[in-house]
N, C-alpha and C. Protein backbone atom coordinates (compact mmCIF):
# COMPACT_ATOMS: atom_id res chain seq x y z
N MET A 1 0.81 -1.20 0.00
CA MET A 1 0.00 0.00 0.00
C MET A 1 0.85 1.26 0.00
N GLY A 2 2.08 1.17 0.51
CA GLY A 2 2.96 2.32 0.43
C GLY A 2 3.24 2.97 1.76
N LEU A 3 4.12 3.96 1.74
CA LEU A 3 4.50 4.67 2.94
C LEU A 3 3.64 5.90 3.12
N LEU A 4 3.26 6.18 4.35
CA LEU A 4 2.59 7.43 4.66
C LEU A 4 3.66 8.50 4.76
N GLN A 5 3.46 9.60 4.10
CA GLN A 5 4.45 10.66 4.12
C GLN A 5 4.64 11.25 5.51
N SER A 6 3.54 11.39 6.27
CA SER A 6 3.65 12.06 7.55
C SER A 6 4.36 11.20 8.60
N SER A 7 4.19 9.89 8.57
CA SER A 7 4.72 9.08 9.65
C SER A 7 5.80 8.10 9.21
N ARG A 8 5.90 7.85 7.91
CA ARG A 8 6.87 6.89 7.38
C ARG A 8 6.57 5.46 7.83
N ILE A 9 5.34 5.21 8.24
CA ILE A 9 4.92 3.86 8.61
C ILE A 9 4.21 3.26 7.41
N GLU A 10 4.68 2.11 6.97
CA GLU A 10 4.06 1.45 5.82
C GLU A 10 2.73 0.84 6.25
N GLU A 11 1.72 1.05 5.42
CA GLU A 11 0.38 0.49 5.66
C GLU A 11 0.25 -0.79 4.86
N LEU A 12 -0.15 -1.88 5.53
CA LEU A 12 -0.32 -3.17 4.88
C LEU A 12 -1.77 -3.63 4.95
N SER A 13 -2.21 -4.35 3.93
CA SER A 13 -3.49 -5.04 4.04
C SER A 13 -3.28 -6.25 4.94
N CYS A 14 -4.37 -6.85 5.37
CA CYS A 14 -4.26 -8.06 6.20
C CYS A 14 -3.56 -9.17 5.44
N GLN A 15 -3.87 -9.31 4.17
CA GLN A 15 -3.25 -10.35 3.35
C GLN A 15 -1.75 -10.12 3.21
N GLU A 16 -1.34 -8.85 3.03
CA GLU A 16 0.09 -8.53 2.95
C GLU A 16 0.78 -8.85 4.28
N ALA A 17 0.12 -8.52 5.39
CA ALA A 17 0.69 -8.81 6.70
C ALA A 17 0.86 -10.32 6.88
N TRP A 18 -0.15 -11.09 6.53
CA TRP A 18 -0.07 -12.55 6.66
C TRP A 18 1.07 -13.09 5.81
N ALA A 19 1.19 -12.61 4.58
CA ALA A 19 2.26 -13.08 3.68
C ALA A 19 3.63 -12.80 4.28
N ARG A 20 3.80 -11.66 4.90
CA ARG A 20 5.09 -11.33 5.52
C ARG A 20 5.37 -12.19 6.75
N LEU A 21 4.33 -12.46 7.53
CA LEU A 21 4.49 -13.32 8.70
C LEU A 21 4.90 -14.73 8.28
N VAL A 22 4.32 -15.22 7.19
CA VAL A 22 4.63 -16.56 6.68
C VAL A 22 6.04 -16.60 6.09
N ALA A 23 6.41 -15.57 5.34
CA ALA A 23 7.67 -15.57 4.59
C ALA A 23 8.91 -15.36 5.44
N ASP A 24 8.79 -14.65 6.56
CA ASP A 24 9.97 -14.27 7.34
C ASP A 24 9.79 -14.71 8.79
N SER A 25 10.59 -15.64 9.23
CA SER A 25 10.44 -16.17 10.59
C SER A 25 10.69 -15.12 11.67
N SER A 26 11.39 -14.03 11.33
CA SER A 26 11.66 -13.00 12.33
C SER A 26 10.57 -11.93 12.41
N THR A 27 9.64 -11.90 11.46
CA THR A 27 8.55 -10.92 11.49
C THR A 27 7.57 -11.28 12.59
N VAL A 28 7.17 -10.28 13.37
CA VAL A 28 6.24 -10.51 14.49
C VAL A 28 4.99 -9.65 14.32
N LEU A 29 3.91 -10.13 14.91
CA LEU A 29 2.64 -9.40 14.94
C LEU A 29 2.39 -8.95 16.37
N VAL A 30 2.17 -7.64 16.54
CA VAL A 30 1.85 -7.07 17.84
C VAL A 30 0.40 -6.61 17.82
N ASP A 31 -0.41 -7.18 18.69
CA ASP A 31 -1.82 -6.81 18.81
C ASP A 31 -1.94 -5.84 19.97
N VAL A 32 -2.35 -4.60 19.68
CA VAL A 32 -2.37 -3.55 20.70
C VAL A 32 -3.77 -3.27 21.23
N ARG A 33 -4.72 -4.14 20.92
CA ARG A 33 -6.08 -3.96 21.44
C ARG A 33 -6.10 -4.24 22.94
N THR A 34 -7.27 -4.13 23.54
CA THR A 34 -7.40 -4.35 24.98
C THR A 34 -7.62 -5.82 25.30
N GLN A 35 -7.40 -6.16 26.58
CA GLN A 35 -7.65 -7.52 27.03
C GLN A 35 -9.08 -7.94 26.73
N ALA A 36 -10.03 -7.02 26.89
CA ALA A 36 -11.44 -7.33 26.61
C ALA A 36 -11.62 -7.70 25.14
N GLU A 37 -10.97 -6.98 24.24
CA GLU A 37 -11.08 -7.29 22.81
C GLU A 37 -10.46 -8.65 22.51
N TRP A 38 -9.30 -8.92 23.10
CA TRP A 38 -8.67 -10.23 22.87
C TRP A 38 -9.59 -11.35 23.34
N ALA A 39 -10.22 -11.17 24.51
CA ALA A 39 -11.04 -12.22 25.10
C ALA A 39 -12.37 -12.39 24.37
N PHE A 40 -13.01 -11.30 24.00
CA PHE A 40 -14.38 -11.39 23.49
C PHE A 40 -14.50 -11.31 21.98
N VAL A 41 -13.54 -10.71 21.30
CA VAL A 41 -13.61 -10.57 19.84
C VAL A 41 -12.76 -11.62 19.15
N GLY A 42 -11.62 -11.97 19.74
CA GLY A 42 -10.75 -12.99 19.18
C GLY A 42 -9.35 -12.49 18.93
N LEU A 43 -8.50 -13.43 18.53
CA LEU A 43 -7.08 -13.15 18.28
C LEU A 43 -6.64 -13.77 16.97
N ALA A 44 -5.69 -13.14 16.32
CA ALA A 44 -5.05 -13.76 15.16
C ALA A 44 -4.40 -15.06 15.62
N ASP A 45 -4.63 -16.13 14.88
CA ASP A 45 -4.06 -17.44 15.22
C ASP A 45 -2.87 -17.69 14.33
N LEU A 46 -1.68 -17.57 14.89
CA LEU A 46 -0.44 -17.75 14.14
C LEU A 46 0.19 -19.11 14.41
N SER A 47 -0.51 -19.97 15.13
CA SER A 47 0.06 -21.26 15.52
C SER A 47 0.42 -22.12 14.31
N GLY A 48 -0.31 -21.99 13.23
CA GLY A 48 -0.03 -22.77 12.04
C GLY A 48 1.29 -22.43 11.37
N ILE A 49 1.84 -21.28 11.72
CA ILE A 49 3.14 -20.88 11.18
C ILE A 49 4.19 -20.81 12.30
N GLY A 50 3.86 -21.43 13.44
CA GLY A 50 4.81 -21.52 14.54
C GLY A 50 5.06 -20.22 15.27
N LYS A 51 4.07 -19.34 15.29
CA LYS A 51 4.21 -18.05 15.96
C LYS A 51 3.02 -17.80 16.85
N GLU A 52 3.12 -16.75 17.65
CA GLU A 52 1.98 -16.25 18.41
C GLU A 52 2.08 -14.73 18.45
N PRO A 53 0.93 -14.05 18.49
CA PRO A 53 0.99 -12.59 18.54
C PRO A 53 1.54 -12.10 19.88
N VAL A 54 2.19 -10.96 19.84
CA VAL A 54 2.64 -10.28 21.05
C VAL A 54 1.48 -9.39 21.48
N LEU A 55 1.04 -9.53 22.72
CA LEU A 55 -0.13 -8.81 23.21
C LEU A 55 0.27 -7.75 24.22
N VAL A 56 0.19 -6.48 23.81
CA VAL A 56 0.48 -5.36 24.70
C VAL A 56 -0.55 -4.27 24.39
N GLU A 57 -1.33 -3.89 25.39
CA GLU A 57 -2.38 -2.89 25.20
C GLU A 57 -1.80 -1.49 24.94
N TRP A 58 -2.31 -0.84 23.90
CA TRP A 58 -1.96 0.56 23.63
C TRP A 58 -2.66 1.47 24.64
N SER A 59 -3.92 1.18 24.91
CA SER A 59 -4.68 1.98 25.86
C SER A 59 -5.35 1.06 26.87
N ASN A 60 -5.66 1.63 28.02
CA ASN A 60 -6.24 0.86 29.11
C ASN A 60 -7.76 0.83 29.00
N PHE A 61 -8.34 -0.33 29.28
CA PHE A 61 -9.78 -0.48 29.28
C PHE A 61 -10.25 -0.38 30.73
N PRO A 62 -11.31 0.32 31.07
CA PRO A 62 -12.25 0.97 30.17
C PRO A 62 -11.97 2.45 29.93
N SER A 63 -10.88 2.97 30.45
CA SER A 63 -10.63 4.42 30.37
C SER A 63 -10.25 4.90 28.98
N SER A 64 -9.71 4.04 28.16
CA SER A 64 -9.22 4.38 26.82
C SER A 64 -8.03 5.33 26.86
N ARG A 65 -7.40 5.48 28.01
CA ARG A 65 -6.19 6.30 28.11
C ARG A 65 -5.00 5.53 27.57
N VAL A 66 -4.17 6.21 26.80
CA VAL A 66 -2.96 5.59 26.28
C VAL A 66 -2.07 5.22 27.46
N ASP A 67 -1.56 4.00 27.43
CA ASP A 67 -0.66 3.53 28.48
C ASP A 67 0.68 4.25 28.33
N SER A 68 1.02 5.06 29.30
CA SER A 68 2.25 5.85 29.23
C SER A 68 3.51 4.97 29.24
N HIS A 69 3.35 3.71 29.58
CA HIS A 69 4.49 2.78 29.62
C HIS A 69 4.47 1.79 28.45
N PHE A 70 3.63 2.08 27.44
CA PHE A 70 3.49 1.16 26.31
C PHE A 70 4.83 0.83 25.66
N VAL A 71 5.60 1.85 25.29
CA VAL A 71 6.88 1.62 24.60
C VAL A 71 7.79 0.75 25.44
N GLU A 72 7.90 1.05 26.71
CA GLU A 72 8.75 0.28 27.61
C GLU A 72 8.27 -1.18 27.70
N LYS A 73 6.95 -1.38 27.87
CA LYS A 73 6.40 -2.73 27.98
C LYS A 73 6.62 -3.54 26.70
N LEU A 74 6.36 -2.91 25.56
CA LEU A 74 6.53 -3.64 24.31
C LEU A 74 8.00 -3.90 24.02
N ASP A 75 8.86 -2.95 24.32
CA ASP A 75 10.29 -3.15 24.12
C ASP A 75 10.76 -4.37 24.91
N ILE A 76 10.32 -4.50 26.14
CA ILE A 76 10.69 -5.65 26.97
C ILE A 76 10.13 -6.94 26.36
N ALA A 77 8.86 -6.92 25.98
CA ALA A 77 8.22 -8.12 25.41
C ALA A 77 8.92 -8.56 24.12
N LEU A 78 9.31 -7.60 23.29
CA LEU A 78 9.99 -7.94 22.04
C LEU A 78 11.39 -8.50 22.32
N LYS A 79 12.11 -7.87 23.24
CA LYS A 79 13.44 -8.38 23.59
C LYS A 79 13.37 -9.79 24.15
N GLU A 80 12.35 -10.06 24.97
CA GLU A 80 12.18 -11.41 25.55
C GLU A 80 11.98 -12.46 24.45
N ARG A 81 11.44 -12.05 23.31
CA ARG A 81 11.20 -12.96 22.19
C ARG A 81 12.34 -12.94 21.17
N GLY A 82 13.39 -12.21 21.48
CA GLY A 82 14.54 -12.16 20.59
C GLY A 82 14.36 -11.26 19.38
N VAL A 83 13.39 -10.36 19.45
CA VAL A 83 13.12 -9.44 18.33
C VAL A 83 14.06 -8.25 18.44
N GLY A 84 14.79 -7.99 17.36
CA GLY A 84 15.71 -6.86 17.33
C GLY A 84 15.07 -5.63 16.74
N ARG A 85 15.72 -4.51 16.91
CA ARG A 85 15.18 -3.24 16.41
C ARG A 85 15.13 -3.17 14.88
N GLY A 86 15.83 -4.08 14.21
CA GLY A 86 15.79 -4.12 12.76
C GLY A 86 14.85 -5.16 12.19
N ASP A 87 14.20 -5.94 13.07
CA ASP A 87 13.23 -6.94 12.61
C ASP A 87 11.91 -6.27 12.25
N GLU A 88 11.17 -6.90 11.36
CA GLU A 88 9.88 -6.34 10.95
C GLU A 88 8.84 -6.59 12.04
N VAL A 89 8.16 -5.51 12.45
CA VAL A 89 7.14 -5.58 13.49
C VAL A 89 5.84 -5.04 12.90
N LEU A 90 4.82 -5.90 12.86
CA LEU A 90 3.51 -5.54 12.32
C LEU A 90 2.56 -5.25 13.47
N PHE A 91 1.82 -4.15 13.38
CA PHE A 91 0.93 -3.72 14.45
C PHE A 91 -0.52 -3.86 14.02
N LEU A 92 -1.35 -4.41 14.91
CA LEU A 92 -2.75 -4.70 14.64
C LEU A 92 -3.62 -4.18 15.78
N CYS A 93 -4.74 -3.56 15.43
CA CYS A 93 -5.75 -3.19 16.42
C CYS A 93 -7.12 -3.51 15.81
N ARG A 94 -8.15 -2.86 16.25
CA ARG A 94 -9.49 -3.14 15.74
C ARG A 94 -9.65 -2.72 14.29
N SER A 95 -9.24 -1.47 13.99
CA SER A 95 -9.47 -0.96 12.63
C SER A 95 -8.31 -0.16 12.05
N GLY A 96 -7.16 -0.15 12.71
CA GLY A 96 -5.97 0.47 12.14
C GLY A 96 -5.51 1.77 12.76
N GLY A 97 -6.30 2.37 13.65
CA GLY A 97 -5.92 3.65 14.24
C GLY A 97 -4.93 3.55 15.38
N ARG A 98 -5.27 2.77 16.39
CA ARG A 98 -4.36 2.60 17.54
C ARG A 98 -3.06 1.95 17.10
N SER A 99 -3.17 0.99 16.18
CA SER A 99 -1.96 0.29 15.74
C SER A 99 -1.02 1.23 15.01
N ARG A 100 -1.55 2.18 14.26
CA ARG A 100 -0.69 3.15 13.59
C ARG A 100 0.05 4.01 14.61
N MET A 101 -0.67 4.45 15.64
CA MET A 101 -0.02 5.25 16.69
C MET A 101 1.05 4.44 17.41
N ALA A 102 0.76 3.17 17.67
CA ALA A 102 1.73 2.30 18.34
C ALA A 102 2.96 2.09 17.46
N ALA A 103 2.74 1.89 16.17
CA ALA A 103 3.87 1.72 15.24
C ALA A 103 4.74 2.97 15.21
N GLU A 104 4.10 4.13 15.20
CA GLU A 104 4.84 5.39 15.21
C GLU A 104 5.65 5.53 16.49
N ALA A 105 5.06 5.15 17.62
CA ALA A 105 5.76 5.24 18.90
C ALA A 105 6.99 4.34 18.92
N MET A 106 6.83 3.12 18.41
CA MET A 106 7.96 2.20 18.41
C MET A 106 9.01 2.60 17.38
N ALA A 107 8.60 3.17 16.27
CA ALA A 107 9.57 3.70 15.31
C ALA A 107 10.37 4.82 15.96
N GLY A 108 9.70 5.64 16.76
CA GLY A 108 10.38 6.70 17.50
C GLY A 108 11.35 6.17 18.54
N ALA A 109 11.12 4.92 18.97
CA ALA A 109 12.00 4.29 19.97
C ALA A 109 13.13 3.50 19.31
N GLY A 110 13.22 3.59 17.98
CA GLY A 110 14.35 2.97 17.30
C GLY A 110 14.07 1.69 16.53
N TYR A 111 12.83 1.22 16.53
CA TYR A 111 12.49 0.05 15.71
C TYR A 111 12.31 0.54 14.28
N THR A 112 13.10 0.00 13.36
CA THR A 112 13.21 0.59 12.02
C THR A 112 12.26 0.01 10.99
N ARG A 113 11.57 -1.08 11.30
CA ARG A 113 10.69 -1.72 10.31
C ARG A 113 9.30 -1.96 10.88
N CYS A 114 8.69 -0.88 11.39
CA CYS A 114 7.33 -0.94 11.93
C CYS A 114 6.33 -0.77 10.80
N ARG A 115 5.31 -1.62 10.79
CA ARG A 115 4.27 -1.59 9.77
C ARG A 115 2.90 -1.61 10.45
N ASN A 116 1.92 -0.97 9.83
CA ASN A 116 0.56 -0.94 10.35
C ASN A 116 -0.34 -1.82 9.50
N VAL A 117 -1.10 -2.71 10.14
CA VAL A 117 -2.12 -3.48 9.43
C VAL A 117 -3.34 -2.58 9.37
N ALA A 118 -3.48 -1.90 8.23
CA ALA A 118 -4.42 -0.79 8.09
C ALA A 118 -5.88 -1.17 8.31
N GLU A 119 -6.27 -2.38 7.97
CA GLU A 119 -7.67 -2.78 8.09
C GLU A 119 -8.02 -3.29 9.49
N GLY A 120 -7.01 -3.58 10.28
CA GLY A 120 -7.23 -4.07 11.63
C GLY A 120 -7.83 -5.46 11.68
N PHE A 121 -8.26 -5.84 12.87
CA PHE A 121 -8.82 -7.16 13.09
C PHE A 121 -10.27 -7.23 12.62
N GLU A 122 -11.00 -6.10 12.75
CA GLU A 122 -12.42 -6.09 12.41
C GLU A 122 -12.80 -5.11 11.30
N GLY A 123 -11.92 -4.20 10.94
CA GLY A 123 -12.23 -3.24 9.89
C GLY A 123 -13.14 -2.12 10.37
N PRO A 124 -13.52 -1.23 9.43
CA PRO A 124 -14.35 -0.07 9.78
C PRO A 124 -15.82 -0.44 9.97
N LEU A 125 -16.56 0.49 10.52
CA LEU A 125 -18.00 0.32 10.66
C LEU A 125 -18.67 0.32 9.29
N ASP A 126 -19.72 -0.50 9.14
CA ASP A 126 -20.51 -0.46 7.91
C ASP A 126 -21.68 0.49 8.11
N ASP A 127 -22.60 0.55 7.16
CA ASP A 127 -23.72 1.48 7.24
C ASP A 127 -24.64 1.19 8.42
N SER A 128 -24.62 -0.05 8.92
CA SER A 128 -25.43 -0.42 10.08
C SER A 128 -24.64 -0.30 11.38
N ARG A 129 -23.44 0.26 11.29
CA ARG A 129 -22.55 0.47 12.43
C ARG A 129 -22.07 -0.84 13.04
N HIS A 130 -21.83 -1.84 12.16
CA HIS A 130 -21.26 -3.12 12.56
C HIS A 130 -19.87 -3.24 11.96
N ARG A 131 -18.99 -3.89 12.70
CA ARG A 131 -17.65 -4.15 12.19
C ARG A 131 -17.57 -5.57 11.66
N GLY A 132 -16.54 -5.82 10.86
CA GLY A 132 -16.30 -7.18 10.38
C GLY A 132 -17.03 -7.53 9.10
N THR A 133 -17.67 -6.56 8.48
CA THR A 133 -18.41 -6.85 7.25
C THR A 133 -17.74 -6.27 5.99
N ARG A 134 -16.81 -5.35 6.18
CA ARG A 134 -16.16 -4.70 5.03
C ARG A 134 -14.73 -5.17 4.81
N SER A 135 -13.98 -5.28 5.87
CA SER A 135 -12.57 -5.66 5.77
C SER A 135 -12.08 -6.08 7.15
N GLY A 136 -10.79 -6.37 7.21
CA GLY A 136 -10.18 -6.77 8.48
C GLY A 136 -9.71 -8.21 8.43
N TRP A 137 -8.92 -8.58 9.44
CA TRP A 137 -8.31 -9.90 9.54
C TRP A 137 -9.36 -11.00 9.44
N LYS A 138 -10.43 -10.87 10.24
CA LYS A 138 -11.47 -11.89 10.25
C LYS A 138 -12.18 -11.97 8.90
N MET A 139 -12.55 -10.84 8.34
CA MET A 139 -13.26 -10.79 7.06
C MET A 139 -12.42 -11.38 5.93
N ALA A 140 -11.10 -11.23 6.04
CA ALA A 140 -10.19 -11.74 5.01
C ALA A 140 -10.06 -13.26 5.07
N GLY A 141 -10.64 -13.87 6.09
CA GLY A 141 -10.59 -15.32 6.22
C GLY A 141 -9.25 -15.83 6.73
N LEU A 142 -8.49 -14.95 7.37
CA LEU A 142 -7.21 -15.36 7.93
C LEU A 142 -7.44 -16.08 9.25
N PRO A 143 -6.51 -16.91 9.69
CA PRO A 143 -6.72 -17.70 10.90
C PRO A 143 -6.91 -16.83 12.15
N TRP A 144 -7.91 -17.20 12.93
CA TRP A 144 -8.14 -16.52 14.21
C TRP A 144 -8.85 -17.47 15.15
N VAL A 145 -8.77 -17.16 16.43
CA VAL A 145 -9.41 -17.97 17.45
C VAL A 145 -10.18 -17.05 18.40
N GLN A 146 -11.23 -17.61 18.98
CA GLN A 146 -11.97 -16.88 19.99
C GLN A 146 -11.17 -16.93 21.28
N GLY A 147 -11.06 -15.79 21.96
CA GLY A 147 -10.25 -15.70 23.17
C GLY A 147 -10.80 -16.48 24.33
């Protein structure tokens, strides 16, 4: 999809993200949604490719306040998994907004290959104000599990 001029974060479709996860063993997926979303909406299932998503909340539920320690928490979680600052890190949220902010934050912390999964796990709202009908990880038919 290309680079955003303002943030230099590459936007990927869900299919592009999946292809990169499959092709490169060092590429990781970071899901920045809340624990409630992981539990009740579901998670990307990477077990078929020998991976699991890294789960670190961008914002706290139910306050929706950005976690001021997000960068520190994710940096620790990535280091624990052997992820280096030059490895590709894909960010996923509900519809692409929080994940873009998280990718920008981690790029600012020195991670050089941060990418945003633009469609998110559920995609944008449709005309009936429902998610998951237009785009997103689930709509694309990519592997996922109920939390």
